[in-house]
Amino acid sequence: MKFMKRVSSLIVLAAMILFTSLDSSAEFYDGNKLVQDMREHEKAERSDPSANHLQGAFYMGYVAGVYDALSSSLSPPESVTIGQLCSIVGKYLKENPEKWTMPANVLIWDALQKAFPKR
């Protein structure tokens, strides 16, 4: 329970940082940065003591934000979790390193659209 509160707090913090420190253009957060944050998220999931939990939480928050913004254009199951969304995006990133220079939001959208196409 304490861990979940910590993660929730980090997600809120990451979202605040995202919306207050970035220019209105999402291109400042590209796939290369998204991959770095994804790797930290994966380390945190494995309880790796070297994990940067803030970066991992930022990854989760960014994926959740893009999902929330675009979910009406997707057909996910009702029970989909943020962990599943992060895993789907992570798998997509690992399989498509040639796209890492693209904006992060576009990469997340591509991954989620492939996983949950609108029916």
N, C-alpha and C. Protein backbone atom coordinates (compact mmCIF):
# COMPACT_ATOMS: atom_id res chain seq x y z
N MET A 1 0.82 -1.19 0.00
CA MET A 1 0.00 0.00 0.00
C MET A 1 0.87 1.26 0.00
N LYS A 2 1.92 1.24 0.82
CA LYS A 2 2.83 2.38 0.89
C LYS A 2 3.50 2.61 -0.46
N PHE A 3 3.88 1.50 -1.13
CA PHE A 3 4.51 1.60 -2.45
C PHE A 3 3.55 2.23 -3.45
N MET A 4 2.27 1.84 -3.43
CA MET A 4 1.28 2.38 -4.36
C MET A 4 1.09 3.88 -4.14
N LYS A 5 1.07 4.31 -2.88
CA LYS A 5 0.94 5.74 -2.59
C LYS A 5 2.15 6.49 -3.14
N ARG A 6 3.32 5.88 -2.99
CA ARG A 6 4.56 6.50 -3.50
C ARG A 6 4.51 6.62 -5.02
N VAL A 7 4.09 5.54 -5.68
CA VAL A 7 4.00 5.55 -7.14
C VAL A 7 2.96 6.57 -7.58
N SER A 8 1.81 6.60 -6.91
CA SER A 8 0.77 7.58 -7.26
C SER A 8 1.29 9.00 -7.12
N SER A 9 2.02 9.25 -6.05
CA SER A 9 2.59 10.58 -5.84
C SER A 9 3.59 10.93 -6.94
N LEU A 10 4.40 9.95 -7.31
CA LEU A 10 5.38 10.19 -8.37
C LEU A 10 4.70 10.44 -9.71
N ILE A 11 3.61 9.74 -9.98
CA ILE A 11 2.87 9.96 -11.24
C ILE A 11 2.31 11.37 -11.27
N VAL A 12 1.72 11.80 -10.18
CA VAL A 12 1.18 13.16 -10.11
C VAL A 12 2.30 14.17 -10.30
N LEU A 13 3.42 13.96 -9.64
CA LEU A 13 4.56 14.85 -9.77
C LEU A 13 5.06 14.90 -11.21
N ALA A 14 5.17 13.73 -11.83
CA ALA A 14 5.63 13.67 -13.22
C ALA A 14 4.67 14.42 -14.14
N ALA A 15 3.38 14.25 -13.92
CA ALA A 15 2.40 14.96 -14.75
C ALA A 15 2.53 16.47 -14.56
N MET A 16 2.74 16.91 -13.31
CA MET A 16 2.90 18.34 -13.06
C MET A 16 4.13 18.88 -13.76
N ILE A 17 5.22 18.13 -13.70
CA ILE A 17 6.45 18.54 -14.37
C ILE A 17 6.22 18.63 -15.87
N LEU A 18 5.57 17.62 -16.41
CA LEU A 18 5.31 17.57 -17.85
C LEU A 18 4.52 18.78 -18.31
N PHE A 19 3.45 19.10 -17.60
CA PHE A 19 2.57 20.16 -18.07
C PHE A 19 3.04 21.56 -17.70
N THR A 20 4.02 21.68 -16.83
CA THR A 20 4.50 23.01 -16.48
C THR A 20 5.85 23.34 -17.08
N SER A 21 6.64 22.33 -17.43
CA SER A 21 8.00 22.64 -17.86
C SER A 21 8.23 22.49 -19.35
N LEU A 22 7.34 21.84 -20.06
CA LEU A 22 7.54 21.64 -21.48
C LEU A 22 6.82 22.70 -22.29
N ASP A 23 7.39 23.05 -23.40
CA ASP A 23 6.75 23.90 -24.36
C ASP A 23 5.52 23.18 -24.86
N SER A 24 4.64 23.87 -25.58
CA SER A 24 3.41 23.25 -26.06
C SER A 24 3.67 22.19 -27.12
N SER A 25 4.87 22.07 -27.59
CA SER A 25 5.21 21.08 -28.60
C SER A 25 5.72 19.81 -27.94
N ALA A 26 5.10 18.68 -28.27
CA ALA A 26 5.48 17.39 -27.67
C ALA A 26 6.81 16.88 -28.22
N GLU A 27 7.32 17.46 -29.27
CA GLU A 27 8.55 16.98 -29.87
C GLU A 27 9.76 17.11 -28.95
N PHE A 28 9.65 17.85 -27.86
CA PHE A 28 10.77 17.94 -26.93
C PHE A 28 10.93 16.65 -26.14
N TYR A 29 9.91 15.84 -26.14
CA TYR A 29 9.96 14.54 -25.48
C TYR A 29 9.84 13.50 -26.59
N ASP A 30 10.98 13.00 -27.03
CA ASP A 30 10.97 12.08 -28.17
C ASP A 30 11.13 10.63 -27.71
N GLY A 31 11.16 9.74 -28.67
CA GLY A 31 11.27 8.32 -28.39
C GLY A 31 12.54 7.96 -27.64
N ASN A 32 13.63 8.63 -27.92
CA ASN A 32 14.88 8.33 -27.20
C ASN A 32 14.72 8.57 -25.70
N LYS A 33 14.11 9.67 -25.34
CA LYS A 33 13.87 9.98 -23.93
C LYS A 33 12.83 9.03 -23.36
N LEU A 34 11.80 8.72 -24.14
CA LEU A 34 10.77 7.78 -23.70
C LEU A 34 11.38 6.42 -23.38
N VAL A 35 12.32 5.97 -24.21
CA VAL A 35 12.98 4.68 -24.00
C VAL A 35 13.80 4.71 -22.71
N GLN A 36 14.50 5.80 -22.45
CA GLN A 36 15.27 5.92 -21.21
C GLN A 36 14.34 5.78 -20.00
N ASP A 37 13.22 6.48 -20.06
CA ASP A 37 12.28 6.43 -18.95
C ASP A 37 11.61 5.06 -18.84
N MET A 38 11.35 4.42 -19.97
CA MET A 38 10.79 3.07 -19.98
C MET A 38 11.74 2.10 -19.29
N ARG A 39 13.02 2.21 -19.57
CA ARG A 39 14.01 1.32 -18.95
C ARG A 39 14.05 1.51 -17.44
N GLU A 40 13.90 2.74 -16.98
CA GLU A 40 13.86 2.99 -15.54
C GLU A 40 12.59 2.41 -14.93
N HIS A 41 11.50 2.52 -15.65
CA HIS A 41 10.24 1.92 -15.19
C HIS A 41 10.39 0.41 -15.06
N GLU A 42 11.02 -0.21 -16.04
CA GLU A 42 11.22 -1.66 -16.00
C GLU A 42 12.13 -2.06 -14.85
N LYS A 43 13.16 -1.26 -14.58
CA LYS A 43 14.03 -1.54 -13.44
C LYS A 43 13.24 -1.47 -12.14
N ALA A 44 12.40 -0.45 -12.02
CA ALA A 44 11.59 -0.29 -10.82
C ALA A 44 10.63 -1.47 -10.65
N GLU A 45 10.09 -1.95 -11.74
CA GLU A 45 9.18 -3.10 -11.70
C GLU A 45 9.91 -4.35 -11.20
N ARG A 46 11.20 -4.45 -11.49
CA ARG A 46 12.02 -5.59 -11.06
C ARG A 46 12.61 -5.36 -9.66
N SER A 47 12.27 -4.26 -9.05
CA SER A 47 12.82 -3.87 -7.74
C SER A 47 14.34 -3.71 -7.77
N ASP A 48 14.85 -3.27 -8.91
CA ASP A 48 16.27 -2.99 -9.05
C ASP A 48 16.61 -1.77 -8.21
N PRO A 49 17.53 -1.87 -7.28
CA PRO A 49 17.85 -0.73 -6.42
C PRO A 49 18.45 0.47 -7.16
N SER A 50 18.93 0.26 -8.38
CA SER A 50 19.50 1.37 -9.13
C SER A 50 18.44 2.13 -9.93
N ALA A 51 17.18 1.71 -9.84
CA ALA A 51 16.12 2.33 -10.63
C ALA A 51 15.90 3.79 -10.23
N ASN A 52 15.69 4.61 -11.23
CA ASN A 52 15.30 6.00 -11.00
C ASN A 52 13.77 6.01 -11.02
N HIS A 53 13.17 6.01 -9.84
CA HIS A 53 11.72 5.90 -9.73
C HIS A 53 10.99 7.10 -10.31
N LEU A 54 11.60 8.26 -10.26
CA LEU A 54 10.95 9.44 -10.84
C LEU A 54 10.83 9.28 -12.35
N GLN A 55 11.91 8.84 -13.00
CA GLN A 55 11.85 8.62 -14.45
C GLN A 55 10.84 7.53 -14.79
N GLY A 56 10.81 6.47 -14.00
CA GLY A 56 9.85 5.39 -14.24
C GLY A 56 8.42 5.87 -14.09
N ALA A 57 8.18 6.69 -13.08
CA ALA A 57 6.84 7.24 -12.87
C ALA A 57 6.48 8.22 -13.98
N PHE A 58 7.46 8.97 -14.46
CA PHE A 58 7.20 9.89 -15.57
C PHE A 58 6.75 9.11 -16.79
N TYR A 59 7.40 7.99 -17.06
CA TYR A 59 7.01 7.12 -18.18
C TYR A 59 5.56 6.68 -18.02
N MET A 60 5.23 6.18 -16.84
CA MET A 60 3.86 5.74 -16.60
C MET A 60 2.86 6.88 -16.79
N GLY A 61 3.19 8.03 -16.25
CA GLY A 61 2.30 9.18 -16.36
C GLY A 61 2.13 9.66 -17.79
N TYR A 62 3.21 9.64 -18.55
CA TYR A 62 3.13 10.09 -19.94
C TYR A 62 2.29 9.12 -20.76
N VAL A 63 2.52 7.82 -20.59
CA VAL A 63 1.72 6.82 -21.29
C VAL A 63 0.25 6.98 -20.92
N ALA A 64 -0.03 7.13 -19.63
CA ALA A 64 -1.41 7.29 -19.17
C ALA A 64 -2.04 8.55 -19.75
N GLY A 65 -1.28 9.63 -19.82
CA GLY A 65 -1.81 10.88 -20.36
C GLY A 65 -2.16 10.77 -21.83
N VAL A 66 -1.28 10.16 -22.61
CA VAL A 66 -1.57 9.98 -24.04
C VAL A 66 -2.78 9.06 -24.20
N TYR A 67 -2.82 7.99 -23.42
CA TYR A 67 -3.96 7.07 -23.47
C TYR A 67 -5.26 7.80 -23.14
N ASP A 68 -5.26 8.57 -22.06
CA ASP A 68 -6.47 9.30 -21.66
C ASP A 68 -6.92 10.28 -22.75
N ALA A 69 -5.96 10.93 -23.37
CA ALA A 69 -6.29 11.91 -24.41
C ALA A 69 -6.87 11.26 -25.66
N LEU A 70 -6.46 10.03 -25.94
CA LEU A 70 -6.84 9.41 -27.21
C LEU A 70 -7.72 8.17 -27.06
N SER A 71 -8.10 7.81 -25.84
CA SER A 71 -8.80 6.54 -25.61
C SER A 71 -10.13 6.44 -26.34
N SER A 72 -10.75 7.55 -26.65
CA SER A 72 -12.02 7.48 -27.38
C SER A 72 -11.82 7.00 -28.81
N SER A 73 -10.59 7.00 -29.29
CA SER A 73 -10.27 6.51 -30.64
C SER A 73 -9.74 5.08 -30.61
N LEU A 74 -9.83 4.43 -29.45
CA LEU A 74 -9.31 3.07 -29.29
C LEU A 74 -10.44 2.16 -28.79
N SER A 75 -10.20 0.86 -28.84
CA SER A 75 -11.16 -0.11 -28.31
C SER A 75 -10.47 -1.06 -27.32
N PRO A 76 -10.02 -0.52 -26.19
CA PRO A 76 -9.36 -1.38 -25.21
C PRO A 76 -10.40 -2.13 -24.38
N PRO A 77 -10.01 -3.23 -23.75
CA PRO A 77 -10.94 -3.87 -22.82
C PRO A 77 -11.15 -2.95 -21.61
N GLU A 78 -12.29 -3.05 -20.99
CA GLU A 78 -12.59 -2.19 -19.84
C GLU A 78 -11.60 -2.37 -18.70
N SER A 79 -11.05 -3.54 -18.59
CA SER A 79 -10.18 -3.84 -17.46
C SER A 79 -8.70 -3.54 -17.71
N VAL A 80 -8.36 -2.86 -18.80
CA VAL A 80 -6.96 -2.59 -19.11
C VAL A 80 -6.35 -1.74 -17.98
N THR A 81 -5.11 -2.06 -17.63
CA THR A 81 -4.44 -1.35 -16.54
C THR A 81 -3.30 -0.49 -17.11
N ILE A 82 -2.83 0.45 -16.30
CA ILE A 82 -1.70 1.27 -16.71
C ILE A 82 -0.46 0.40 -16.89
N GLY A 83 -0.33 -0.64 -16.09
CA GLY A 83 0.80 -1.56 -16.27
C GLY A 83 0.77 -2.24 -17.62
N GLN A 84 -0.42 -2.65 -18.06
CA GLN A 84 -0.54 -3.28 -19.37
C GLN A 84 -0.23 -2.28 -20.48
N LEU A 85 -0.72 -1.06 -20.33
CA LEU A 85 -0.45 -0.03 -21.34
C LEU A 85 1.05 0.22 -21.46
N CYS A 86 1.72 0.32 -20.31
CA CYS A 86 3.17 0.54 -20.31
C CYS A 86 3.91 -0.63 -20.95
N SER A 87 3.44 -1.84 -20.71
CA SER A 87 4.07 -3.02 -21.32
C SER A 87 3.88 -3.04 -22.82
N ILE A 88 2.70 -2.67 -23.28
CA ILE A 88 2.40 -2.62 -24.72
C ILE A 88 3.31 -1.60 -25.40
N VAL A 89 3.40 -0.42 -24.79
CA VAL A 89 4.25 0.63 -25.36
C VAL A 89 5.72 0.20 -25.32
N GLY A 90 6.14 -0.40 -24.22
CA GLY A 90 7.53 -0.86 -24.10
C GLY A 90 7.88 -1.89 -25.17
N LYS A 91 6.99 -2.83 -25.39
CA LYS A 91 7.22 -3.86 -26.43
C LYS A 91 7.35 -3.20 -27.80
N TYR A 92 6.47 -2.24 -28.07
CA TYR A 92 6.51 -1.54 -29.35
C TYR A 92 7.84 -0.79 -29.52
N LEU A 93 8.27 -0.13 -28.47
CA LEU A 93 9.53 0.62 -28.54
C LEU A 93 10.71 -0.31 -28.80
N LYS A 94 10.75 -1.43 -28.11
CA LYS A 94 11.84 -2.39 -28.29
C LYS A 94 11.87 -2.97 -29.70
N GLU A 95 10.70 -3.13 -30.29
CA GLU A 95 10.62 -3.72 -31.64
C GLU A 95 10.83 -2.69 -32.76
N ASN A 96 10.84 -1.41 -32.42
CA ASN A 96 10.94 -0.36 -33.44
C ASN A 96 11.97 0.71 -33.09
N PRO A 97 13.23 0.35 -32.86
CA PRO A 97 14.22 1.36 -32.47
C PRO A 97 14.46 2.41 -33.55
N GLU A 98 14.17 2.09 -34.78
CA GLU A 98 14.36 3.06 -35.87
C GLU A 98 13.40 4.24 -35.76
N LYS A 99 12.38 4.13 -34.93
CA LYS A 99 11.38 5.20 -34.78
C LYS A 99 11.62 6.08 -33.56
N TRP A 100 12.69 5.82 -32.82
CA TRP A 100 12.90 6.52 -31.56
C TRP A 100 13.12 8.02 -31.71
N THR A 101 13.39 8.51 -32.90
CA THR A 101 13.55 9.95 -33.08
C THR A 101 12.21 10.66 -33.23
N MET A 102 11.15 9.89 -33.34
CA MET A 102 9.81 10.47 -33.48
C MET A 102 9.33 11.01 -32.13
N PRO A 103 8.33 11.90 -32.14
CA PRO A 103 7.77 12.39 -30.87
C PRO A 103 7.20 11.25 -30.04
N ALA A 104 7.38 11.33 -28.74
CA ALA A 104 6.93 10.27 -27.84
C ALA A 104 5.44 10.01 -27.94
N ASN A 105 4.65 11.07 -28.04
CA ASN A 105 3.20 10.87 -28.10
C ASN A 105 2.79 10.11 -29.35
N VAL A 106 3.49 10.30 -30.44
CA VAL A 106 3.19 9.59 -31.69
C VAL A 106 3.52 8.10 -31.54
N LEU A 107 4.64 7.81 -30.90
CA LEU A 107 5.03 6.42 -30.68
C LEU A 107 4.03 5.70 -29.78
N ILE A 108 3.60 6.36 -28.73
CA ILE A 108 2.62 5.77 -27.83
C ILE A 108 1.31 5.54 -28.57
N TRP A 109 0.88 6.51 -29.33
CA TRP A 109 -0.33 6.37 -30.12
C TRP A 109 -0.24 5.20 -31.09
N ASP A 110 0.87 5.08 -31.79
CA ASP A 110 1.06 3.96 -32.72
C ASP A 110 0.94 2.62 -32.00
N ALA A 111 1.61 2.50 -30.86
CA ALA A 111 1.59 1.26 -30.09
C ALA A 111 0.18 0.91 -29.63
N LEU A 112 -0.52 1.88 -29.09
CA LEU A 112 -1.86 1.62 -28.55
C LEU A 112 -2.88 1.37 -29.66
N GLN A 113 -2.72 2.08 -30.77
CA GLN A 113 -3.62 1.87 -31.90
C GLN A 113 -3.47 0.47 -32.48
N LYS A 114 -2.26 -0.04 -32.52
CA LYS A 114 -2.03 -1.40 -33.00
C LYS A 114 -2.61 -2.43 -32.04
N ALA A 115 -2.51 -2.15 -30.74
CA ALA A 115 -3.01 -3.09 -29.74
C ALA A 115 -4.54 -3.05 -29.60
N PHE A 116 -5.11 -1.86 -29.74
CA PHE A 116 -6.55 -1.68 -29.53
C PHE A 116 -7.21 -0.90 -30.66
N PRO A 117 -7.19 -1.40 -31.89
CA PRO A 117 -7.77 -0.64 -33.00
C PRO A 117 -9.25 -0.39 -32.79
N LYS A 118 -9.72 0.75 -33.24
CA LYS A 118 -11.15 1.10 -33.13
C LYS A 118 -11.96 0.13 -33.97
N ARG A 119 -12.99 -0.41 -33.39
CA ARG A 119 -13.85 -1.37 -34.12
C ARG A 119 -15.07 -0.72 -34.67
